[in-house]
Amino acid sequence: MGSRAAALIIDQLILTVVNLLIILLVFLLDYANIGNIASVTGSTMPLAIAVIVVFLLNWGYFFVAEFFFGGKTIGKRLMGIRVVQDNGHSITWLSSLIRNLMRIVDMLPASYLLGMLLVFFHPRHKRLGDIVAGTIVVHERKGKNKKQAKNIEKEVESRGLSKNDLNLDEWTIRSLGKKEWDLLKIYAARFHQLPLEERYQLTQQMTAALLPKIGIDKNKKDIRELENILLVLYLILRDEWEFEW
């Protein structure tokens, strides 16, 4: 709960600063148009726009950040936590929308008291929004896999690869579960440890198991192309699965 509280404080401070800047801008515009900062009767349009922007910002910030940035707001990123679905996959737009709409209830009666109580007493530390949306807040995995990740990233960079090299739709990515991720983790961990002949054998076994699931014919690829596919697939699934409960 400490990490979540700290993340929320950071996010709220950011929103407060932005809100104050918007209000200040409205008064400056009013002063420029009317010549009297105390008078707001001349034009209510800037004020109306500011109210709409502040509302959308405060209620849309968490939804947009969590969905488009891997379950992380700025506060969550700084605290090393993220939101994922109960099954371990990245949060969907619907889950993010439901989760953040439920903030209205979690905030009751004040200062997120209901949400904090639920997080404290729930066995998996969920607030009401998490329970309804089927999501959970987790710590990102650190430490022991950092060296392995850097080695794979260097290998990918040296080969000129990126996640965009595999044009997989969202449905295909989500059809690959923890079993496939565990296989790719083993492959990545052993990639630089095995002699070439053994690595090629492992690559053949891995691609025979995984490529049919993403609609790629391994028989039309040479060994380096197969390695490239597995390395890129590892990077894609790492974004989905690399966290710590």
Protein backbone atom coordinates (compact mmCIF):
# COMPACT_ATOMS: atom_id res chain seq x y z
CA MET A 1 0.00 0.00 0.00
CA GLY A 2 2.96 2.32 0.63
CA SER A 3 4.11 2.18 -2.99
CA ARG A 4 0.59 2.78 -4.27
CA ALA A 5 0.04 5.69 -1.89
CA ALA A 6 3.34 7.29 -2.91
CA ALA A 7 2.51 6.84 -6.59
CA LEU A 8 -0.91 8.44 -6.08
CA ILE A 9 0.62 11.40 -4.24
CA ILE A 10 3.07 11.97 -7.11
CA ASP A 11 0.29 11.77 -9.71
CA GLN A 12 -1.96 14.11 -7.71
CA LEU A 13 0.88 16.64 -7.31
CA ILE A 14 1.43 16.60 -11.07
CA LEU A 15 -2.29 17.06 -11.72
CA THR A 16 -2.49 19.87 -9.15
CA VAL A 17 0.36 21.76 -10.81
CA VAL A 18 -1.22 21.36 -14.26
CA ASN A 19 -4.63 22.43 -12.90
CA LEU A 20 -3.11 25.56 -11.37
CA LEU A 21 -1.38 26.40 -14.64
CA ILE A 22 -4.68 26.05 -16.51
CA ILE A 23 -6.46 28.33 -14.00
CA LEU A 24 -3.63 30.86 -14.22
CA LEU A 25 -3.86 30.81 -18.00
CA VAL A 26 -7.61 31.52 -17.84
CA PHE A 27 -7.05 34.56 -15.63
CA LEU A 28 -4.28 35.82 -17.88
CA LEU A 29 -6.52 35.47 -20.92
CA ASP A 30 -9.33 37.22 -19.08
CA TYR A 31 -7.02 40.03 -18.07
CA ALA A 32 -5.73 40.42 -21.61
CA ASN A 33 -9.25 40.50 -23.11
CA ILE A 34 -11.02 42.63 -20.53
CA GLY A 35 -8.30 44.62 -18.86
CA ASN A 36 -9.64 43.89 -15.39
CA ILE A 37 -8.69 40.59 -13.73
CA ALA A 38 -11.49 40.93 -11.22
CA SER A 39 -14.17 40.95 -13.89
CA VAL A 40 -15.15 37.64 -15.49
CA THR A 41 -18.49 38.75 -16.86
CA GLY A 42 -17.10 39.91 -20.18
CA SER A 43 -16.54 36.41 -21.53
CA THR A 44 -17.20 33.05 -19.88
CA MET A 45 -15.85 31.01 -22.77
CA PRO A 46 -12.26 30.65 -21.45
CA LEU A 47 -13.59 29.63 -18.04
CA ALA A 48 -15.97 27.06 -19.53
CA ILE A 49 -13.19 25.57 -21.64
CA ALA A 50 -10.89 25.46 -18.61
CA VAL A 51 -13.49 23.60 -16.53
CA ILE A 52 -13.94 21.00 -19.27
CA VAL A 53 -10.17 20.57 -19.72
CA VAL A 54 -9.59 20.19 -15.96
CA PHE A 55 -12.39 17.62 -15.70
CA LEU A 56 -11.08 15.57 -18.62
CA LEU A 57 -7.53 15.82 -17.35
CA ASN A 58 -8.30 14.66 -13.83
CA TRP A 59 -10.54 11.76 -14.87
CA GLY A 60 -8.75 10.82 -18.06
CA TYR A 61 -5.13 10.96 -16.90
CA PHE A 62 -5.14 7.60 -15.10
CA PHE A 63 -7.10 5.82 -17.84
CA VAL A 64 -4.89 7.09 -20.67
CA ALA A 65 -1.60 6.58 -18.81
CA GLU A 66 -2.40 3.06 -17.63
CA PHE A 67 -3.70 1.85 -20.98
CA PHE A 68 -1.17 3.46 -23.33
CA PHE A 69 1.94 3.19 -21.14
CA GLY A 70 1.88 -0.40 -19.93
CA GLY A 71 -0.20 0.03 -16.78
CA LYS A 72 1.94 2.88 -15.46
CA THR A 73 1.17 6.45 -14.58
CA ILE A 74 4.15 8.71 -13.91
CA GLY A 75 3.83 7.99 -10.19
CA LYS A 76 3.64 4.22 -10.71
CA ARG A 77 6.66 4.30 -13.02
CA LEU A 78 8.72 6.15 -10.42
CA MET A 79 7.66 3.70 -7.69
CA GLY A 80 8.34 0.62 -9.86
CA ILE A 81 4.77 -0.67 -9.94
CA ARG A 82 2.24 -1.25 -12.72
CA VAL A 83 -1.33 -2.43 -13.27
CA VAL A 84 -1.93 -5.75 -15.05
CA GLN A 85 -4.91 -8.03 -15.50
CA ASP A 86 -5.44 -10.92 -13.10
CA ASN A 87 -4.24 -13.35 -15.78
CA GLY A 88 -0.93 -11.49 -16.05
CA HIS A 89 -1.58 -9.78 -19.39
CA SER A 90 -1.28 -6.04 -19.92
CA ILE A 91 -4.33 -4.03 -18.96
CA THR A 92 -7.00 -3.60 -21.66
CA TRP A 93 -8.79 -0.35 -22.44
CA LEU A 94 -12.01 -1.68 -20.92
CA SER A 95 -10.30 -2.81 -17.72
CA SER A 96 -8.54 0.54 -17.45
CA LEU A 97 -11.80 2.42 -18.03
CA ILE A 98 -13.73 0.40 -15.43
CA ARG A 99 -10.90 0.52 -12.92
CA ASN A 100 -10.61 4.28 -13.09
CA LEU A 101 -14.34 5.01 -13.18
CA MET A 102 -14.54 3.14 -9.87
CA ARG A 103 -12.23 5.74 -8.35
CA ILE A 104 -15.43 7.69 -7.67
CA VAL A 105 -16.38 5.00 -5.14
CA ASP A 106 -12.87 4.27 -3.87
CA MET A 107 -12.45 7.94 -2.97
CA LEU A 108 -15.36 7.80 -0.51
CA PRO A 109 -15.92 9.20 2.04
CA ALA A 110 -12.74 11.25 1.51
CA SER A 111 -9.07 10.91 0.56
CA TYR A 112 -9.45 7.38 -0.87
CA LEU A 113 -10.34 5.99 2.58
CA LEU A 114 -12.51 3.16 1.22
CA GLY A 115 -9.88 2.25 -1.38
CA MET A 116 -7.10 2.18 1.23
CA LEU A 117 -9.12 -0.01 3.58
CA LEU A 118 -9.84 -2.51 0.81
CA VAL A 119 -6.18 -2.59 -0.26
CA PHE A 120 -5.14 -3.20 3.34
CA PHE A 121 -7.61 -6.02 4.04
CA HIS A 122 -7.89 -7.69 0.60
CA PRO A 123 -5.65 -10.81 0.33
CA ARG A 124 -4.24 -9.55 -2.99
CA HIS A 125 -4.27 -5.86 -2.00
CA LYS A 126 -7.00 -4.77 -4.38
CA ARG A 127 -9.17 -1.71 -4.18
CA LEU A 128 -12.76 -1.86 -5.43
CA GLY A 129 -11.75 -0.72 -8.92
CA ASP A 130 -9.30 -3.64 -9.19
CA ILE A 131 -11.91 -6.14 -8.00
CA VAL A 132 -14.52 -4.99 -10.52
CA ALA A 133 -12.09 -4.60 -13.44
CA GLY A 134 -10.17 -7.82 -12.76
CA THR A 135 -6.82 -6.06 -12.36
CA ILE A 136 -4.00 -6.10 -9.85
CA VAL A 137 -1.08 -3.80 -9.03
CA VAL A 138 2.32 -5.55 -9.10
CA HIS A 139 5.97 -4.68 -8.62
CA GLU A 140 8.12 -4.85 -11.74
CA ARG A 141 10.82 -7.49 -11.68
CA LYS A 142 14.30 -6.11 -11.05
CA GLY A 143 17.78 -7.25 -10.26
CA LYS A 144 18.50 -10.83 -11.21
CA ASN A 145 17.24 -10.57 -14.82
CA LYS A 146 18.79 -7.19 -15.56
CA LYS A 147 22.07 -8.56 -16.96
CA GLN A 148 20.23 -11.11 -19.11
CA ALA A 149 17.89 -8.42 -20.43
CA LYS A 150 20.82 -6.16 -21.34
CA ASN A 151 22.59 -8.98 -23.17
CA ILE A 152 19.50 -9.78 -25.22
CA GLU A 153 18.89 -6.09 -25.94
CA LYS A 154 22.48 -5.74 -27.18
CA GLU A 155 22.01 -8.80 -29.39
CA VAL A 156 18.76 -7.38 -30.78
CA GLU A 157 20.41 -4.01 -31.39
CA SER A 158 23.40 -5.59 -33.12
CA ARG A 159 21.02 -7.42 -35.46
CA GLY A 160 19.03 -4.26 -36.19
CA LEU A 161 15.79 -5.72 -34.83
CA SER A 162 12.79 -4.10 -33.16
CA LYS A 163 9.41 -5.20 -31.82
CA ASN A 164 7.81 -3.76 -34.95
CA ASP A 165 9.52 -6.44 -37.06
CA LEU A 166 6.75 -8.85 -36.06
CA ASN A 167 3.41 -7.46 -37.16
CA LEU A 168 1.26 -9.25 -34.58
CA ASP A 169 -2.23 -8.11 -33.71
CA GLU A 170 -3.39 -7.79 -30.12
CA TRP A 171 -5.42 -10.99 -30.28
CA THR A 172 -2.40 -13.03 -31.39
CA ILE A 173 -0.20 -11.59 -28.64
CA ARG A 174 -2.79 -12.34 -25.99
CA SER A 175 -3.16 -15.90 -27.26
CA LEU A 176 0.41 -16.53 -26.10
CA GLY A 177 0.32 -17.33 -22.40
CA LYS A 178 2.73 -17.90 -19.53
CA LYS A 179 3.83 -21.25 -20.95
CA GLU A 180 5.10 -19.58 -24.12
CA TRP A 181 6.70 -16.79 -22.08
CA ASP A 182 8.54 -19.32 -19.90
CA LEU A 183 9.90 -21.02 -23.03
CA LEU A 184 11.15 -17.71 -24.40
CA LYS A 185 12.75 -16.84 -21.07
CA ILE A 186 14.69 -20.10 -21.16
CA TYR A 187 15.71 -19.38 -24.76
CA ALA A 188 16.92 -15.87 -23.89
CA ALA A 189 18.79 -17.10 -20.81
CA ARG A 190 20.67 -19.79 -22.78
CA PHE A 191 21.15 -17.85 -26.01
CA HIS A 192 24.74 -16.78 -25.27
CA GLN A 193 25.62 -19.83 -23.18
CA LEU A 194 25.12 -22.64 -25.67
CA PRO A 195 27.54 -23.68 -28.41
CA LEU A 196 26.25 -22.71 -31.85
CA GLU A 197 25.16 -26.21 -32.83
CA GLU A 198 23.14 -26.67 -29.63
CA ARG A 199 21.68 -23.18 -29.96
CA TYR A 200 20.54 -23.94 -33.50
CA GLN A 201 18.88 -27.14 -32.27
CA LEU A 202 17.12 -25.21 -29.51
CA THR A 203 16.02 -22.59 -32.04
CA GLN A 204 14.52 -25.28 -34.27
CA GLN A 205 12.63 -26.81 -31.32
CA MET A 206 11.37 -23.44 -30.11
CA THR A 207 10.19 -22.25 -33.50
CA ALA A 208 8.44 -25.57 -34.14
CA ALA A 209 6.45 -25.02 -30.94
CA LEU A 210 5.78 -21.26 -31.19
CA LEU A 211 5.66 -20.14 -34.81
CA PRO A 212 2.46 -22.02 -35.75
CA LYS A 213 0.70 -20.07 -32.98
CA ILE A 214 1.56 -16.76 -34.61
CA GLY A 215 0.95 -17.89 -38.19
CA ILE A 216 4.55 -18.06 -39.44
CA ASP A 217 5.89 -20.96 -41.51
CA LYS A 218 9.32 -21.90 -40.14
CA ASN A 219 10.20 -23.95 -43.20
CA LYS A 220 10.52 -20.78 -45.26
CA LYS A 221 13.10 -19.25 -42.90
CA ASP A 222 16.81 -19.82 -42.42
CA ILE A 223 18.27 -20.29 -38.94
CA ARG A 224 19.21 -16.63 -38.42
CA GLU A 225 15.73 -15.49 -39.41
CA LEU A 226 14.27 -17.98 -36.93
CA GLU A 227 16.54 -16.64 -34.19
CA ASN A 228 15.49 -13.10 -35.04
CA ILE A 229 11.82 -14.02 -34.75
CA LEU A 230 12.33 -15.61 -31.32
CA LEU A 231 14.34 -12.64 -30.05
CA VAL A 232 11.70 -10.16 -31.17
CA LEU A 233 8.93 -12.35 -29.75
CA TYR A 234 10.82 -12.41 -26.44
CA LEU A 235 10.84 -8.60 -26.34
CA ILE A 236 7.13 -8.42 -27.14
CA LEU A 237 6.09 -10.92 -24.47
CA ARG A 238 8.46 -9.42 -21.92
CA ASP A 239 6.28 -6.31 -21.90
CA GLU A 240 3.30 -8.55 -21.14
CA TRP A 241 4.79 -10.84 -18.51
CA GLU A 242 7.89 -9.38 -16.90
CA PHE A 243 6.63 -8.43 -13.45
CA GLU A 244 6.76 -9.64 -9.88
CA TRP A 245 3.66 -10.36 -7.78
